[in-house]
Amino acid sequence: TVGYIYAWSGDKDAGAGEKEIKNIIEGKRIEMEI
């Protein structure tokens, strides 16, 4: 759903950050910001 955030932190390969769902067009398109 819009607003969902998946955040992570780890070693140098994983780094740290988050990805957020910004918009969804049902069945067709998902817009995210990382």
PDB file of all heavy atoms in Angstrom:
ATOM      1  N   THR A   1       0.847  -1.191   0.000  1.00  0.00           N
ATOM      2  CA  THR A   1       0.000   0.000   0.000  1.00  0.00           C
ATOM      3  C   THR A   1       0.887   1.248   0.000  1.00  0.00           C
ATOM      4  O   THR A   1       2.045   1.213   0.429  1.00  0.00           O
ATOM      5  CB  THR A   1      -0.926   0.046   1.237  1.00  0.00           C
ATOM      6  OG1 THR A   1      -0.130   0.153   2.420  1.00  0.00           O
ATOM      7  CG2 THR A   1      -1.809  -1.184   1.320  1.00  0.00           C
ATOM      8  N   VAL A   2       0.308   2.350  -0.473  1.00  0.00           N
ATOM      9  CA  VAL A   2       1.038   3.622  -0.506  1.00  0.00           C
ATOM     10  C   VAL A   2       1.437   4.004   0.918  1.00  0.00           C
ATOM     11  O   VAL A   2       0.647   3.896   1.857  1.00  0.00           O
ATOM     12  CB  VAL A   2       0.173   4.723  -1.155  1.00  0.00           C
ATOM     13  CG1 VAL A   2       0.843   6.091  -1.033  1.00  0.00           C
ATOM     14  CG2 VAL A   2      -0.097   4.390  -2.615  1.00  0.00           C
ATOM     15  N   GLY A   3       2.683   4.414   1.074  1.00  0.00           N
ATOM     16  CA  GLY A   3       3.210   4.811   2.379  1.00  0.00           C
ATOM     17  C   GLY A   3       3.998   3.723   3.081  1.00  0.00           C
ATOM     18  O   GLY A   3       4.683   3.993   4.070  1.00  0.00           O
ATOM     19  N   TYR A   4       3.917   2.488   2.588  1.00  0.00           N
ATOM     20  CA  TYR A   4       4.669   1.395   3.207  1.00  0.00           C
ATOM     21  C   TYR A   4       6.159   1.656   3.036  1.00  0.00           C
ATOM     22  O   TYR A   4       6.625   2.046   1.960  1.00  0.00           O
ATOM     23  CB  TYR A   4       4.297   0.058   2.567  1.00  0.00           C
ATOM     24  CG  TYR A   4       5.095  -1.105   3.115  1.00  0.00           C
ATOM     25  CD1 TYR A   4       4.803  -1.642   4.362  1.00  0.00           C
ATOM     26  CD2 TYR A   4       6.138  -1.655   2.393  1.00  0.00           C
ATOM     27  CE1 TYR A   4       5.536  -2.703   4.872  1.00  0.00           C
ATOM     28  CE2 TYR A   4       6.875  -2.719   2.885  1.00  0.00           C
ATOM     29  CZ  TYR A   4       6.574  -3.239   4.128  1.00  0.00           C
ATOM     30  OH  TYR A   4       7.297  -4.287   4.633  1.00  0.00           O
ATOM     31  N   ILE A   5       6.916   1.439   4.107  1.00  0.00           N
ATOM     32  CA  ILE A   5       8.367   1.651   4.072  1.00  0.00           C
ATOM     33  C   ILE A   5       9.072   0.370   4.505  1.00  0.00           C
ATOM     34  O   ILE A   5       8.750  -0.215   5.539  1.00  0.00           O
ATOM     35  CB  ILE A   5       8.794   2.813   4.991  1.00  0.00           C
ATOM     36  CG1 ILE A   5       8.194   4.125   4.485  1.00  0.00           C
ATOM     37  CG2 ILE A   5      10.321   2.917   5.071  1.00  0.00           C
ATOM     38  CD1 ILE A   5       8.445   5.320   5.384  1.00  0.00           C
ATOM     39  N   TYR A   6      10.026  -0.025   3.700  1.00  0.00           N
ATOM     40  CA  TYR A   6      10.911  -1.166   3.960  1.00  0.00           C
ATOM     41  C   TYR A   6      12.290  -0.553   4.209  1.00  0.00           C
ATOM     42  O   TYR A   6      12.881   0.046   3.309  1.00  0.00           O
ATOM     43  CB  TYR A   6      10.920  -2.063   2.725  1.00  0.00           C
ATOM     44  CG  TYR A   6      11.888  -3.225   2.744  1.00  0.00           C
ATOM     45  CD1 TYR A   6      11.411  -4.514   2.768  1.00  0.00           C
ATOM     46  CD2 TYR A   6      13.269  -3.048   2.699  1.00  0.00           C
ATOM     47  CE1 TYR A   6      12.277  -5.603   2.743  1.00  0.00           C
ATOM     48  CE2 TYR A   6      14.143  -4.121   2.690  1.00  0.00           C
ATOM     49  CZ  TYR A   6      13.640  -5.399   2.709  1.00  0.00           C
ATOM     50  OH  TYR A   6      14.499  -6.465   2.692  1.00  0.00           O
ATOM     51  N   ALA A   7      12.784  -0.652   5.436  1.00  0.00           N
ATOM     52  CA  ALA A   7      14.087  -0.079   5.785  1.00  0.00           C
ATOM     53  C   ALA A   7      15.063  -1.202   6.110  1.00  0.00           C
ATOM     54  O   ALA A   7      14.659  -2.278   6.552  1.00  0.00           O
ATOM     55  CB  ALA A   7      13.947   0.861   6.977  1.00  0.00           C
ATOM     56  N   TRP A   8      16.343  -0.938   5.882  1.00  0.00           N
ATOM     57  CA  TRP A   8      17.363  -1.938   6.165  1.00  0.00           C
ATOM     58  C   TRP A   8      18.659  -1.274   6.607  1.00  0.00           C
ATOM     59  O   TRP A   8      18.899  -0.100   6.343  1.00  0.00           O
ATOM     60  CB  TRP A   8      17.623  -2.800   4.921  1.00  0.00           C
ATOM     61  CG  TRP A   8      18.370  -2.058   3.854  1.00  0.00           C
ATOM     62  CD1 TRP A   8      19.717  -1.991   3.689  1.00  0.00           C
ATOM     63  CD2 TRP A   8      17.801  -1.245   2.828  1.00  0.00           C
ATOM     64  NE1 TRP A   8      20.030  -1.189   2.623  1.00  0.00           N
ATOM     65  CE2 TRP A   8      18.869  -0.725   2.079  1.00  0.00           C
ATOM     66  CE3 TRP A   8      16.506  -0.914   2.472  1.00  0.00           C
ATOM     67  CZ2 TRP A   8      18.675   0.123   0.988  1.00  0.00           C
ATOM     68  CZ3 TRP A   8      16.315  -0.071   1.390  1.00  0.00           C
ATOM     69  CH2 TRP A   8      17.384   0.426   0.660  1.00  0.00           C
ATOM     70  N   SER A   9      19.474  -2.066   7.289  1.00  0.00           N
ATOM     71  CA  SER A   9      20.849  -1.670   7.603  1.00  0.00           C
ATOM     72  C   SER A   9      21.659  -2.953   7.732  1.00  0.00           C
ATOM     73  O   SER A   9      21.165  -3.971   8.201  1.00  0.00           O
ATOM     74  CB  SER A   9      20.917  -0.840   8.880  1.00  0.00           C
ATOM     75  OG  SER A   9      20.496  -1.608   9.989  1.00  0.00           O
ATOM     76  N   GLY A  10      22.896  -2.886   7.263  1.00  0.00           N
ATOM     77  CA  GLY A  10      23.725  -4.087   7.292  1.00  0.00           C
ATOM     78  C   GLY A  10      25.175  -3.768   7.029  1.00  0.00           C
ATOM     79  O   GLY A  10      25.625  -2.640   7.223  1.00  0.00           O
ATOM     80  N   ASP A  11      25.882  -4.773   6.530  1.00  0.00           N
ATOM     81  CA  ASP A  11      27.309  -4.626   6.261  1.00  0.00           C
ATOM     82  C   ASP A  11      27.544  -3.715   5.057  1.00  0.00           C
ATOM     83  O   ASP A  11      26.613  -3.121   4.517  1.00  0.00           O
ATOM     84  CB  ASP A  11      27.955  -6.000   6.055  1.00  0.00           C
ATOM     85  CG  ASP A  11      27.379  -6.753   4.861  1.00  0.00           C
ATOM     86  OD1 ASP A  11      26.722  -6.132   4.005  1.00  0.00           O
ATOM     87  OD2 ASP A  11      27.607  -7.964   4.775  1.00  0.00           O
ATOM     88  N   LYS A  12      28.802  -3.619   4.601  1.00  0.00           N
ATOM     89  CA  LYS A  12      29.132  -2.710   3.501  1.00  0.00           C
ATOM     90  C   LYS A  12      28.414  -3.077   2.206  1.00  0.00           C
ATOM     91  O   LYS A  12      28.134  -2.211   1.390  1.00  0.00           O
ATOM     92  CB  LYS A  12      30.638  -2.638   3.287  1.00  0.00           C
ATOM     93  CG  LYS A  12      31.268  -3.918   2.781  1.00  0.00           C
ATOM     94  CD  LYS A  12      32.772  -3.733   2.562  1.00  0.00           C
ATOM     95  CE  LYS A  12      33.408  -4.971   2.006  1.00  0.00           C
ATOM     96  NZ  LYS A  12      33.100  -5.243   0.627  1.00  0.00           N
ATOM     97  N   ASP A  13      28.095  -4.348   1.998  1.00  0.00           N
ATOM     98  CA  ASP A  13      27.366  -4.746   0.798  1.00  0.00           C
ATOM     99  C   ASP A  13      25.913  -4.285   0.848  1.00  0.00           C
ATOM    100  O   ASP A  13      25.344  -3.882  -0.161  1.00  0.00           O
ATOM    101  CB  ASP A  13      27.415  -6.268   0.611  1.00  0.00           C
ATOM    102  CG  ASP A  13      28.806  -6.761   0.270  1.00  0.00           C
ATOM    103  OD1 ASP A  13      29.570  -6.006  -0.369  1.00  0.00           O
ATOM    104  OD2 ASP A  13      29.140  -7.899   0.644  1.00  0.00           O
ATOM    105  N   ALA A  14      25.312  -4.360   2.009  1.00  0.00           N
ATOM    106  CA  ALA A  14      23.905  -3.999   2.153  1.00  0.00           C
ATOM    107  C   ALA A  14      23.720  -2.500   2.364  1.00  0.00           C
ATOM    108  O   ALA A  14      22.739  -1.917   1.917  1.00  0.00           O
ATOM    109  CB  ALA A  14      23.278  -4.762   3.318  1.00  0.00           C
ATOM    110  N   GLY A  15      24.652  -1.873   3.071  1.00  0.00           N
ATOM    111  CA  GLY A  15      24.503  -0.463   3.385  1.00  0.00           C
ATOM    112  C   GLY A  15      23.306  -0.231   4.288  1.00  0.00           C
ATOM    113  O   GLY A  15      22.897  -1.107   5.053  1.00  0.00           O
ATOM    114  N   ALA A  16      22.715   0.963   4.180  1.00  0.00           N
ATOM    115  CA  ALA A  16      21.526   1.295   4.963  1.00  0.00           C
ATOM    116  C   ALA A  16      20.659   2.230   4.141  1.00  0.00           C
ATOM    117  O   ALA A  16      21.161   3.050   3.364  1.00  0.00           O
ATOM    118  CB  ALA A  16      21.915   1.953   6.279  1.00  0.00           C
ATOM    119  N   GLY A  17      19.358   2.078   4.312  1.00  0.00           N
ATOM    120  CA  GLY A  17      18.430   2.940   3.595  1.00  0.00           C
ATOM    121  C   GLY A  17      17.006   2.469   3.765  1.00  0.00           C
ATOM    122  O   GLY A  17      16.714   1.654   4.642  1.00  0.00           O
ATOM    123  N   GLU A  18      16.143   2.996   2.925  1.00  0.00           N
ATOM    124  CA  GLU A  18      14.739   2.601   2.959  1.00  0.00           C
ATOM    125  C   GLU A  18      14.103   2.804   1.593  1.00  0.00           C
ATOM    126  O   GLU A  18      14.561   3.609   0.795  1.00  0.00           O
ATOM    127  CB  GLU A  18      13.980   3.373   4.036  1.00  0.00           C
ATOM    128  CG  GLU A  18      13.959   4.868   3.858  1.00  0.00           C
ATOM    129  CD  GLU A  18      13.299   5.592   5.028  1.00  0.00           C
ATOM    130  OE1 GLU A  18      13.168   5.007   6.122  1.00  0.00           O
ATOM    131  OE2 GLU A  18      12.916   6.750   4.832  1.00  0.00           O
ATOM    132  N   LYS A  19      13.072   2.020   1.356  1.00  0.00           N
ATOM    133  CA  LYS A  19      12.303   2.109   0.118  1.00  0.00           C
ATOM    134  C   LYS A  19      10.850   2.329   0.515  1.00  0.00           C
ATOM    135  O   LYS A  19      10.317   1.623   1.361  1.00  0.00           O
ATOM    136  CB  LYS A  19      12.450   0.816  -0.690  1.00  0.00           C
ATOM    137  CG  LYS A  19      11.832   0.879  -2.068  1.00  0.00           C
ATOM    138  CD  LYS A  19      11.974  -0.432  -2.817  1.00  0.00           C
ATOM    139  CE  LYS A  19      13.396  -0.626  -3.270  1.00  0.00           C
ATOM    140  NZ  LYS A  19      13.544  -1.817  -4.133  1.00  0.00           N
ATOM    141  N   GLU A  20      10.216   3.312  -0.117  1.00  0.00           N
ATOM    142  CA  GLU A  20       8.830   3.653   0.203  1.00  0.00           C
ATOM    143  C   GLU A  20       7.960   3.583  -1.045  1.00  0.00           C
ATOM    144  O   GLU A  20       8.341   4.079  -2.099  1.00  0.00           O
ATOM    145  CB  GLU A  20       8.764   5.065   0.790  1.00  0.00           C
ATOM    146  CG  GLU A  20       7.355   5.512   1.133  1.00  0.00           C
ATOM    147  CD  GLU A  20       7.302   6.906   1.733  1.00  0.00           C
ATOM    148  OE1 GLU A  20       8.356   7.536   1.945  1.00  0.00           O
ATOM    149  OE2 GLU A  20       6.179   7.370   1.993  1.00  0.00           O
ATOM    150  N   ILE A  21       6.781   2.984  -0.893  1.00  0.00           N
ATOM    151  CA  ILE A  21       5.796   2.981  -1.980  1.00  0.00           C
ATOM    152  C   ILE A  21       5.140   4.359  -2.003  1.00  0.00           C
ATOM    153  O   ILE A  21       4.529   4.779  -1.025  1.00  0.00           O
ATOM    154  CB  ILE A  21       4.733   1.882  -1.795  1.00  0.00           C
ATOM    155  CG1 ILE A  21       5.386   0.495  -1.803  1.00  0.00           C
ATOM    156  CG2 ILE A  21       3.665   1.988  -2.884  1.00  0.00           C
ATOM    157  CD1 ILE A  21       4.439  -0.653  -1.501  1.00  0.00           C
ATOM    158  N   LYS A  22       5.289   5.050  -3.133  1.00  0.00           N
ATOM    159  CA  LYS A  22       4.763   6.412  -3.264  1.00  0.00           C
ATOM    160  C   LYS A  22       3.427   6.460  -3.998  1.00  0.00           C
ATOM    161  O   LYS A  22       2.619   7.343  -3.732  1.00  0.00           O
ATOM    162  CB  LYS A  22       5.771   7.306  -4.000  1.00  0.00           C
ATOM    163  CG  LYS A  22       7.118   7.414  -3.318  1.00  0.00           C
ATOM    164  CD  LYS A  22       7.023   8.029  -1.951  1.00  0.00           C
ATOM    165  CE  LYS A  22       7.365   9.486  -1.991  1.00  0.00           C
ATOM    166  NZ  LYS A  22       7.326  10.129  -0.686  1.00  0.00           N
ATOM    167  N   ASN A  23       3.217   5.529  -4.935  1.00  0.00           N
ATOM    168  CA  ASN A  23       1.972   5.525  -5.706  1.00  0.00           C
ATOM    169  C   ASN A  23       1.758   4.137  -6.295  1.00  0.00           C
ATOM    170  O   ASN A  23       2.720   3.452  -6.646  1.00  0.00           O
ATOM    171  CB  ASN A  23       2.041   6.572  -6.832  1.00  0.00           C
ATOM    172  CG  ASN A  23       0.711   6.760  -7.526  1.00  0.00           C
ATOM    173  OD1 ASN A  23      -0.354   6.662  -6.914  1.00  0.00           O
ATOM    174  ND2 ASN A  23       0.756   7.026  -8.817  1.00  0.00           N
ATOM    175  N   ILE A  24       0.502   3.759  -6.400  1.00  0.00           N
ATOM    176  CA  ILE A  24       0.142   2.479  -7.018  1.00  0.00           C
ATOM    177  C   ILE A  24      -1.007   2.724  -7.981  1.00  0.00           C
ATOM    178  O   ILE A  24      -2.002   3.363  -7.632  1.00  0.00           O
ATOM    179  CB  ILE A  24      -0.295   1.433  -5.962  1.00  0.00           C
ATOM    180  CG1 ILE A  24       0.870   1.086  -5.039  1.00  0.00           C
ATOM    181  CG2 ILE A  24      -0.847   0.189  -6.640  1.00  0.00           C
ATOM    182  CD1 ILE A  24       0.504   0.143  -3.900  1.00  0.00           C
ATOM    183  N   ILE A  25      -0.845   2.224  -9.198  1.00  0.00           N
ATOM    184  CA  ILE A  25      -1.954   2.155 -10.143  1.00  0.00           C
ATOM    185  C   ILE A  25      -2.266   0.669 -10.237  1.00  0.00           C
ATOM    186  O   ILE A  25      -1.495  -0.103 -10.812  1.00  0.00           O
ATOM    187  CB  ILE A  25      -1.574   2.749 -11.519  1.00  0.00           C
ATOM    188  CG1 ILE A  25      -1.212   4.231 -11.354  1.00  0.00           C
ATOM    189  CG2 ILE A  25      -2.727   2.559 -12.515  1.00  0.00           C
ATOM    190  CD1 ILE A  25      -0.634   4.872 -12.591  1.00  0.00           C
ATOM    191  N   GLU A  26      -3.351   0.295  -9.606  1.00  0.00           N
ATOM    192  CA  GLU A  26      -3.676  -1.117  -9.392  1.00  0.00           C
ATOM    193  C   GLU A  26      -3.553  -1.937 -10.674  1.00  0.00           C
ATOM    194  O   GLU A  26      -4.102  -1.588 -11.712  1.00  0.00           O
ATOM    195  CB  GLU A  26      -5.092  -1.255  -8.810  1.00  0.00           C
ATOM    196  CG  GLU A  26      -5.483  -2.666  -8.469  1.00  0.00           C
ATOM    197  CD  GLU A  26      -4.550  -3.359  -7.474  1.00  0.00           C
ATOM    198  OE1 GLU A  26      -4.082  -2.710  -6.512  1.00  0.00           O
ATOM    199  OE2 GLU A  26      -4.282  -4.561  -7.666  1.00  0.00           O
ATOM    200  N   GLY A  27      -2.793  -2.997 -10.552  1.00  0.00           N
ATOM    201  CA  GLY A  27      -2.620  -3.939 -11.645  1.00  0.00           C
ATOM    202  C   GLY A  27      -1.633  -3.501 -12.715  1.00  0.00           C
ATOM    203  O   GLY A  27      -1.329  -4.270 -13.619  1.00  0.00           O
ATOM    204  N   LYS A  28      -1.120  -2.261 -12.631  1.00  0.00           N
ATOM    205  CA  LYS A  28      -0.299  -1.748 -13.726  1.00  0.00           C
ATOM    206  C   LYS A  28       1.047  -1.157 -13.321  1.00  0.00           C
ATOM    207  O   LYS A  28       2.027  -1.336 -14.028  1.00  0.00           O
ATOM    208  CB  LYS A  28      -1.077  -0.673 -14.494  1.00  0.00           C
ATOM    209  CG  LYS A  28      -2.294  -1.204 -15.192  1.00  0.00           C
ATOM    210  CD  LYS A  28      -2.977  -0.123 -15.982  1.00  0.00           C
ATOM    211  CE  LYS A  28      -4.215  -0.705 -16.650  1.00  0.00           C
ATOM    212  NZ  LYS A  28      -4.922   0.286 -17.417  1.00  0.00           N
ATOM    213  N   ARG A  29       1.096  -0.433 -12.206  1.00  0.00           N
ATOM    214  CA  ARG A  29       2.298   0.366 -11.936  1.00  0.00           C
ATOM    215  C   ARG A  29       2.506   0.603 -10.442  1.00  0.00           C
ATOM    216  O   ARG A  29       1.549   0.870  -9.721  1.00  0.00           O
ATOM    217  CB  ARG A  29       2.141   1.694 -12.665  1.00  0.00           C
ATOM    218  CG  ARG A  29       3.257   2.669 -12.513  1.00  0.00           C
ATOM    219  CD  ARG A  29       2.901   3.912 -13.352  1.00  0.00           C
ATOM    220  NE  ARG A  29       3.775   5.000 -13.087  1.00  0.00           N
ATOM    221  CZ  ARG A  29       4.588   5.554 -13.980  1.00  0.00           C
ATOM    222  NH1 ARG A  29       4.613   5.091 -15.207  1.00  0.00           N
ATOM    223  NH2 ARG A  29       5.351   6.559 -13.665  1.00  0.00           N
ATOM    224  N   ILE A  30       3.773   0.515 -10.030  1.00  0.00           N
ATOM    225  CA  ILE A  30       4.153   0.815  -8.651  1.00  0.00           C
ATOM    226  C   ILE A  30       5.290   1.822  -8.719  1.00  0.00           C
ATOM    227  O   ILE A  30       6.294   1.601  -9.405  1.00  0.00           O
ATOM    228  CB  ILE A  30       4.620  -0.443  -7.903  1.00  0.00           C
ATOM    229  CG1 ILE A  30       3.522  -1.501  -7.924  1.00  0.00           C
ATOM    230  CG2 ILE A  30       5.019  -0.114  -6.474  1.00  0.00           C
ATOM    231  CD1 ILE A  30       4.033  -2.894  -7.848  1.00  0.00           C
ATOM    232  N   GLU A  31       5.127   2.939  -8.021  1.00  0.00           N
ATOM    233  CA  GLU A  31       6.163   3.967  -7.960  1.00  0.00           C
ATOM    234  C   GLU A  31       6.735   3.980  -6.548  1.00  0.00           C
ATOM    235  O   GLU A  31       5.989   4.021  -5.573  1.00  0.00           O
ATOM    236  CB  GLU A  31       5.582   5.334  -8.310  1.00  0.00           C
ATOM    237  CG  GLU A  31       4.999   5.391  -9.707  1.00  0.00           C
ATOM    238  CD  GLU A  31       4.236   6.665 -10.000  1.00  0.00           C
ATOM    239  OE1 GLU A  31       4.304   7.626  -9.199  1.00  0.00           O
ATOM    240  OE2 GLU A  31       3.550   6.699 -11.034  1.00  0.00           O
ATOM    241  N   MET A  32       8.055   3.940  -6.481  1.00  0.00           N
ATOM    242  CA  MET A  32       8.733   3.890  -5.187  1.00  0.00           C
ATOM    243  C   MET A  32       9.861   4.913  -5.152  1.00  0.00           C
ATOM    244  O   MET A  32      10.365   5.321  -6.198  1.00  0.00           O
ATOM    245  CB  MET A  32       9.314   2.497  -4.945  1.00  0.00           C
ATOM    246  CG  MET A  32       8.274   1.393  -4.879  1.00  0.00           C
ATOM    247  SD  MET A  32       8.991  -0.253  -5.118  1.00  0.00           S
ATOM    248  CE  MET A  32       9.040  -0.351  -6.898  1.00  0.00           C
ATOM    249  N   GLU A  33      10.242   5.272  -3.958  1.00  0.00           N
ATOM    250  CA  GLU A  33      11.443   6.077  -3.768  1.00  0.00           C
ATOM    251  C   GLU A  33      12.385   5.277  -2.892  1.00  0.00           C
ATOM    252  O   GLU A  33      11.967   4.738  -1.867  1.00  0.00           O
ATOM    253  CB  GLU A  33      11.126   7.409  -3.095  1.00  0.00           C
ATOM    254  CG  GLU A  33      12.363   8.259  -2.884  1.00  0.00           C
ATOM    255  CD  GLU A  33      12.092   9.570  -2.165  1.00  0.00           C
ATOM    256  OE1 GLU A  33      11.056   9.672  -1.468  1.00  0.00           O
ATOM    257  OE2 GLU A  33      12.918  10.473  -2.284  1.00  0.00           O
ATOM    258  N   ILE A  34      13.633   5.179  -3.323  1.00  0.00           N
ATOM    259  CA  ILE A  34      14.643   4.510  -2.520  1.00  0.00           C
ATOM    260  C   ILE A  34      15.581   5.589  -1.996  1.00  0.00           C
ATOM    261  O   ILE A  34      16.012   6.465  -2.743  1.00  0.00           O
ATOM    262  CB  ILE A  34      15.376   3.404  -3.309  1.00  0.00           C
ATOM    263  CG1 ILE A  34      16.262   2.585  -2.388  1.00  0.00           C
ATOM    264  CG2 ILE A  34      16.138   3.958  -4.487  1.00  0.00           C
ATOM    265  CD1 ILE A  34      16.735   1.268  -2.987  1.00  0.00           C
TER     266      ILE A  34
END
